[in-house]
Amino acid sequence: MANTYTQLYVQIVFAVKNRENIISEKIRYELEKIMCTIVTDKQSRPLAVYCNPDHTHILVGLHPAISVSAMAEAIKSGSSGWINREKKFYGKFSWQSGYGAFTYSKSQIDSVVKYIQNQPEHHKHKTFREEYLEFLEKFNIRFDQQYLFDWFE
């Protein structure tokens, strides 16, 4: 669209079904590349991604024609499809339903990128559940406990 200018930065967070710790270092880098390709194919920019063993953080510069829900769905379905086609795991892989999405301003991007890249160190001190609940509180998001991810801590 002519005369349309946007700056939309969204961090999307989602978990492996049943919060299984199955994303190994062996496939992590390859999976992250697949996710970046999916984002790029949606005319958006991948700015940072880290696949933890049981959940993923991805920061996207979102194209204005793509909704956050469409981007989250594309990343989750595309990446799980790749995992299953390539038989990266025994059995069928899937992500839990739902996701968290958090927006940022340009001035926050460097710190969010560092936060995502520093996931292994960060999770030495904080569980995913603690981290996720802090996001919801920080962004003042109302939620119902029954609709949060399944927690298996």
C-alpha atoms as a PDB file:
ATOM      1  CA  MET A   1       0.000   0.000   0.000  1.00  0.00           C
ATOM      2  CA  ALA A   2       1.345   3.392  -0.929  1.00  0.00           C
ATOM      3  CA  ASN A   3       1.863   5.875   1.901  1.00  0.00           C
ATOM      4  CA  THR A   4       1.729   3.190   4.605  1.00  0.00           C
ATOM      5  CA  TYR A   5       4.587   3.323   7.102  1.00  0.00           C
ATOM      6  CA  THR A   6       4.774   1.125  10.158  1.00  0.00           C
ATOM      7  CA  GLN A   7       7.108   0.032  12.886  1.00  0.00           C
ATOM      8  CA  LEU A   8       5.609  -3.051  14.527  1.00  0.00           C
ATOM      9  CA  TYR A   9       7.786  -5.164  16.812  1.00  0.00           C
ATOM     10  CA  VAL A  10       6.230  -8.228  18.422  1.00  0.00           C
ATOM     11  CA  GLN A  11       7.745 -10.927  20.608  1.00  0.00           C
ATOM     12  CA  ILE A  12       5.820 -14.187  20.263  1.00  0.00           C
ATOM     13  CA  VAL A  13       6.228 -16.884  22.918  1.00  0.00           C
ATOM     14  CA  PHE A  14       4.859 -20.420  22.685  1.00  0.00           C
ATOM     15  CA  ALA A  15       5.473 -23.819  24.270  1.00  0.00           C
ATOM     16  CA  VAL A  16       5.986 -27.424  23.216  1.00  0.00           C
ATOM     17  CA  LYS A  17       2.891 -29.575  23.777  1.00  0.00           C
ATOM     18  CA  ASN A  18       2.910 -31.037  27.286  1.00  0.00           C
ATOM     19  CA  ARG A  19       5.940 -28.791  27.904  1.00  0.00           C
ATOM     20  CA  GLU A  20       8.226 -31.665  26.958  1.00  0.00           C
ATOM     21  CA  ASN A  21      11.951 -30.850  26.919  1.00  0.00           C
ATOM     22  CA  ILE A  22      12.529 -32.204  23.424  1.00  0.00           C
ATOM     23  CA  ILE A  23      14.083 -29.399  21.378  1.00  0.00           C
ATOM     24  CA  SER A  24      17.713 -30.439  21.605  1.00  0.00           C
ATOM     25  CA  GLU A  25      20.790 -28.452  20.663  1.00  0.00           C
ATOM     26  CA  LYS A  26      21.153 -30.930  17.818  1.00  0.00           C
ATOM     27  CA  ILE A  27      18.129 -29.469  15.993  1.00  0.00           C
ATOM     28  CA  ARG A  28      17.742 -26.055  17.665  1.00  0.00           C
ATOM     29  CA  TYR A  29      19.767 -24.060  15.141  1.00  0.00           C
ATOM     30  CA  GLU A  30      18.056 -25.709  12.170  1.00  0.00           C
ATOM     31  CA  LEU A  31      14.606 -25.138  13.700  1.00  0.00           C
ATOM     32  CA  GLU A  32      15.405 -21.477  14.317  1.00  0.00           C
ATOM     33  CA  LYS A  33      16.437 -21.099  10.661  1.00  0.00           C
ATOM     34  CA  ILE A  34      13.133 -22.641   9.553  1.00  0.00           C
ATOM     35  CA  MET A  35      11.224 -20.180  11.744  1.00  0.00           C
ATOM     36  CA  CYS A  36      13.186 -17.241  10.316  1.00  0.00           C
ATOM     37  CA  THR A  37      12.366 -18.409   6.796  1.00  0.00           C
ATOM     38  CA  ILE A  38       8.663 -18.611   7.679  1.00  0.00           C
ATOM     39  CA  VAL A  39       8.731 -15.048   9.045  1.00  0.00           C
ATOM     40  CA  THR A  40      10.556 -13.775   5.949  1.00  0.00           C
ATOM     41  CA  ASP A  41       8.075 -15.556   3.688  1.00  0.00           C
ATOM     42  CA  LYS A  42       5.347 -13.564   5.454  1.00  0.00           C
ATOM     43  CA  GLN A  43       7.055 -10.310   4.377  1.00  0.00           C
ATOM     44  CA  SER A  44       8.266  -9.682   7.925  1.00  0.00           C
ATOM     45  CA  ARG A  45      11.684  -9.567   9.581  1.00  0.00           C
ATOM     46  CA  PRO A  46      12.992 -12.055  12.120  1.00  0.00           C
ATOM     47  CA  LEU A  47      15.032 -10.059  14.650  1.00  0.00           C
ATOM     48  CA  ALA A  48      15.802 -12.733  17.253  1.00  0.00           C
ATOM     49  CA  VAL A  49      14.771 -16.305  17.952  1.00  0.00           C
ATOM     50  CA  TYR A  50      15.680 -18.865  20.582  1.00  0.00           C
ATOM     51  CA  CYS A  51      14.202 -22.333  20.858  1.00  0.00           C
ATOM     52  CA  ASN A  52      14.514 -23.561  24.422  1.00  0.00           C
ATOM     53  CA  PRO A  53      13.987 -27.287  25.026  1.00  0.00           C
ATOM     54  CA  ASP A  54      10.324 -26.642  25.957  1.00  0.00           C
ATOM     55  CA  HIS A  55       9.405 -23.197  24.575  1.00  0.00           C
ATOM     56  CA  THR A  56      10.358 -20.576  22.003  1.00  0.00           C
ATOM     57  CA  HIS A  57      10.774 -16.803  21.904  1.00  0.00           C
ATOM     58  CA  ILE A  58      10.800 -15.002  18.556  1.00  0.00           C
ATOM     59  CA  LEU A  59      10.977 -11.253  17.938  1.00  0.00           C
ATOM     60  CA  VAL A  60       9.469 -10.153  14.642  1.00  0.00           C
ATOM     61  CA  GLY A  61       9.336  -6.879  12.734  1.00  0.00           C
ATOM     62  CA  LEU A  62       5.781  -7.455  11.565  1.00  0.00           C
ATOM     63  CA  HIS A  63       4.480  -6.452   8.126  1.00  0.00           C
ATOM     64  CA  PRO A  64       1.267  -4.411   8.560  1.00  0.00           C
ATOM     65  CA  ALA A  65      -0.773  -6.763   6.360  1.00  0.00           C
ATOM     66  CA  ILE A  66      -0.041  -9.741   8.622  1.00  0.00           C
ATOM     67  CA  SER A  67      -1.895 -10.160  11.903  1.00  0.00           C
ATOM     68  CA  VAL A  68      -0.084 -11.367  14.999  1.00  0.00           C
ATOM     69  CA  SER A  69      -2.324 -14.439  15.133  1.00  0.00           C
ATOM     70  CA  ALA A  70      -1.596 -15.284  11.477  1.00  0.00           C
ATOM     71  CA  MET A  71       2.149 -14.938  12.115  1.00  0.00           C
ATOM     72  CA  ALA A  72       2.031 -17.105  15.249  1.00  0.00           C
ATOM     73  CA  GLU A  73       0.000 -19.741  13.414  1.00  0.00           C
ATOM     74  CA  ALA A  74       2.370 -19.723  10.439  1.00  0.00           C
ATOM     75  CA  ILE A  75       5.449 -20.113  12.651  1.00  0.00           C
ATOM     76  CA  LYS A  76       3.927 -22.866  14.780  1.00  0.00           C
ATOM     77  CA  SER A  77       2.317 -24.883  11.979  1.00  0.00           C
ATOM     78  CA  GLY A  78       5.245 -24.442   9.594  1.00  0.00           C
ATOM     79  CA  SER A  79       7.861 -25.427  12.147  1.00  0.00           C
ATOM     80  CA  SER A  80       5.919 -28.416  13.523  1.00  0.00           C
ATOM     81  CA  GLY A  81       5.248 -29.540   9.952  1.00  0.00           C
ATOM     82  CA  TRP A  82       8.975 -29.396   9.210  1.00  0.00           C
ATOM     83  CA  ILE A  83       9.831 -31.310  12.405  1.00  0.00           C
ATOM     84  CA  ASN A  84       7.326 -34.047  11.536  1.00  0.00           C
ATOM     85  CA  ARG A  85       8.241 -34.284   7.822  1.00  0.00           C
ATOM     86  CA  GLU A  86      11.929 -34.528   8.667  1.00  0.00           C
ATOM     87  CA  LYS A  87      11.195 -36.996  11.496  1.00  0.00           C
ATOM     88  CA  LYS A  88      13.265 -35.050  14.016  1.00  0.00           C
ATOM     89  CA  PHE A  89      11.495 -36.800  16.897  1.00  0.00           C
ATOM     90  CA  TYR A  90       9.989 -40.188  17.577  1.00  0.00           C
ATOM     91  CA  GLY A  91       6.245 -39.760  17.305  1.00  0.00           C
ATOM     92  CA  LYS A  92       4.314 -36.635  16.366  1.00  0.00           C
ATOM     93  CA  PHE A  93       5.580 -33.216  17.451  1.00  0.00           C
ATOM     94  CA  SER A  94       3.248 -30.312  18.161  1.00  0.00           C
ATOM     95  CA  TRP A  95       3.163 -27.004  19.983  1.00  0.00           C
ATOM     96  CA  GLN A  96       0.664 -26.274  22.751  1.00  0.00           C
ATOM     97  CA  SER A  97      -2.327 -24.248  21.650  1.00  0.00           C
ATOM     98  CA  GLY A  98      -2.091 -20.518  22.172  1.00  0.00           C
ATOM     99  CA  TYR A  99       0.790 -18.094  22.468  1.00  0.00           C
ATOM    100  CA  GLY A 100       1.802 -14.863  24.139  1.00  0.00           C
ATOM    101  CA  ALA A 101       2.494 -11.750  22.083  1.00  0.00           C
ATOM    102  CA  PHE A 102       4.138  -8.632  23.439  1.00  0.00           C
ATOM    103  CA  THR A 103       4.836  -5.391  21.591  1.00  0.00           C
ATOM    104  CA  TYR A 104       7.868  -3.133  21.867  1.00  0.00           C
ATOM    105  CA  SER A 105       9.086   0.231  20.686  1.00  0.00           C
ATOM    106  CA  LYS A 106      12.205   0.731  18.561  1.00  0.00           C
ATOM    107  CA  SER A 107      14.171   1.910  21.620  1.00  0.00           C
ATOM    108  CA  GLN A 108      13.528  -1.441  23.369  1.00  0.00           C
ATOM    109  CA  ILE A 109      14.626  -3.735  20.531  1.00  0.00           C
ATOM    110  CA  ASP A 110      18.293  -4.120  21.507  1.00  0.00           C
ATOM    111  CA  SER A 111      17.422  -5.192  25.051  1.00  0.00           C
ATOM    112  CA  VAL A 112      14.712  -7.606  23.827  1.00  0.00           C
ATOM    113  CA  VAL A 113      17.152  -9.171  21.326  1.00  0.00           C
ATOM    114  CA  LYS A 114      19.721  -9.619  24.131  1.00  0.00           C
ATOM    115  CA  TYR A 115      17.054 -11.086  26.390  1.00  0.00           C
ATOM    116  CA  ILE A 116      16.053 -13.652  23.757  1.00  0.00           C
ATOM    117  CA  GLN A 117      19.651 -14.545  22.902  1.00  0.00           C
ATOM    118  CA  ASN A 118      20.426 -14.987  26.600  1.00  0.00           C
ATOM    119  CA  GLN A 119      17.679 -17.549  27.247  1.00  0.00           C
ATOM    120  CA  PRO A 120      19.942 -20.384  28.506  1.00  0.00           C
ATOM    121  CA  GLU A 121      21.481 -18.162  31.188  1.00  0.00           C
ATOM    122  CA  HIS A 122      18.139 -16.608  32.052  1.00  0.00           C
ATOM    123  CA  HIS A 123      16.504 -19.998  32.654  1.00  0.00           C
ATOM    124  CA  LYS A 124      19.194 -21.050  35.092  1.00  0.00           C
ATOM    125  CA  HIS A 125      17.461 -18.691  37.540  1.00  0.00           C
ATOM    126  CA  LYS A 126      13.829 -18.603  36.435  1.00  0.00           C
ATOM    127  CA  THR A 127      11.358 -21.194  35.156  1.00  0.00           C
ATOM    128  CA  PHE A 128       9.371 -20.652  31.989  1.00  0.00           C
ATOM    129  CA  ARG A 129       6.221 -20.349  34.112  1.00  0.00           C
ATOM    130  CA  GLU A 130       7.773 -17.592  36.242  1.00  0.00           C
ATOM    131  CA  GLU A 131       9.028 -15.840  33.125  1.00  0.00           C
ATOM    132  CA  TYR A 132       5.667 -16.022  31.342  1.00  0.00           C
ATOM    133  CA  LEU A 133       3.670 -14.805  34.347  1.00  0.00           C
ATOM    134  CA  GLU A 134       6.092 -11.875  34.660  1.00  0.00           C
ATOM    135  CA  PHE A 135       5.422 -10.969  31.014  1.00  0.00           C
ATOM    136  CA  LEU A 136       1.673 -11.017  31.614  1.00  0.00           C
ATOM    137  CA  GLU A 137       2.067  -8.836  34.705  1.00  0.00           C
ATOM    138  CA  LYS A 138       4.563  -6.433  33.098  1.00  0.00           C
ATOM    139  CA  PHE A 139       2.265  -5.882  30.106  1.00  0.00           C
ATOM    140  CA  ASN A 140      -0.807  -5.666  32.374  1.00  0.00           C
ATOM    141  CA  ILE A 141      -2.557  -8.533  30.587  1.00  0.00           C
ATOM    142  CA  ARG A 142      -5.591  -9.994  32.309  1.00  0.00           C
ATOM    143  CA  PHE A 143      -5.718 -13.780  32.131  1.00  0.00           C
ATOM    144  CA  ASP A 144      -7.476 -16.826  33.457  1.00  0.00           C
ATOM    145  CA  GLN A 145      -5.154 -19.469  34.968  1.00  0.00           C
ATOM    146  CA  GLN A 146      -7.142 -22.291  33.325  1.00  0.00           C
ATOM    147  CA  TYR A 147      -6.265 -20.977  29.869  1.00  0.00           C
ATOM    148  CA  LEU A 148      -2.535 -20.607  30.388  1.00  0.00           C
ATOM    149  CA  PHE A 149      -0.074 -23.159  29.072  1.00  0.00           C
ATOM    150  CA  ASP A 150      -0.028 -26.533  30.765  1.00  0.00           C
ATOM    151  CA  TRP A 151       2.716 -26.280  33.375  1.00  0.00           C
ATOM    152  CA  PHE A 152       4.771 -29.351  34.148  1.00  0.00           C
ATOM    153  CA  GLU A 153       7.419 -28.014  36.534  1.00  0.00           C
END
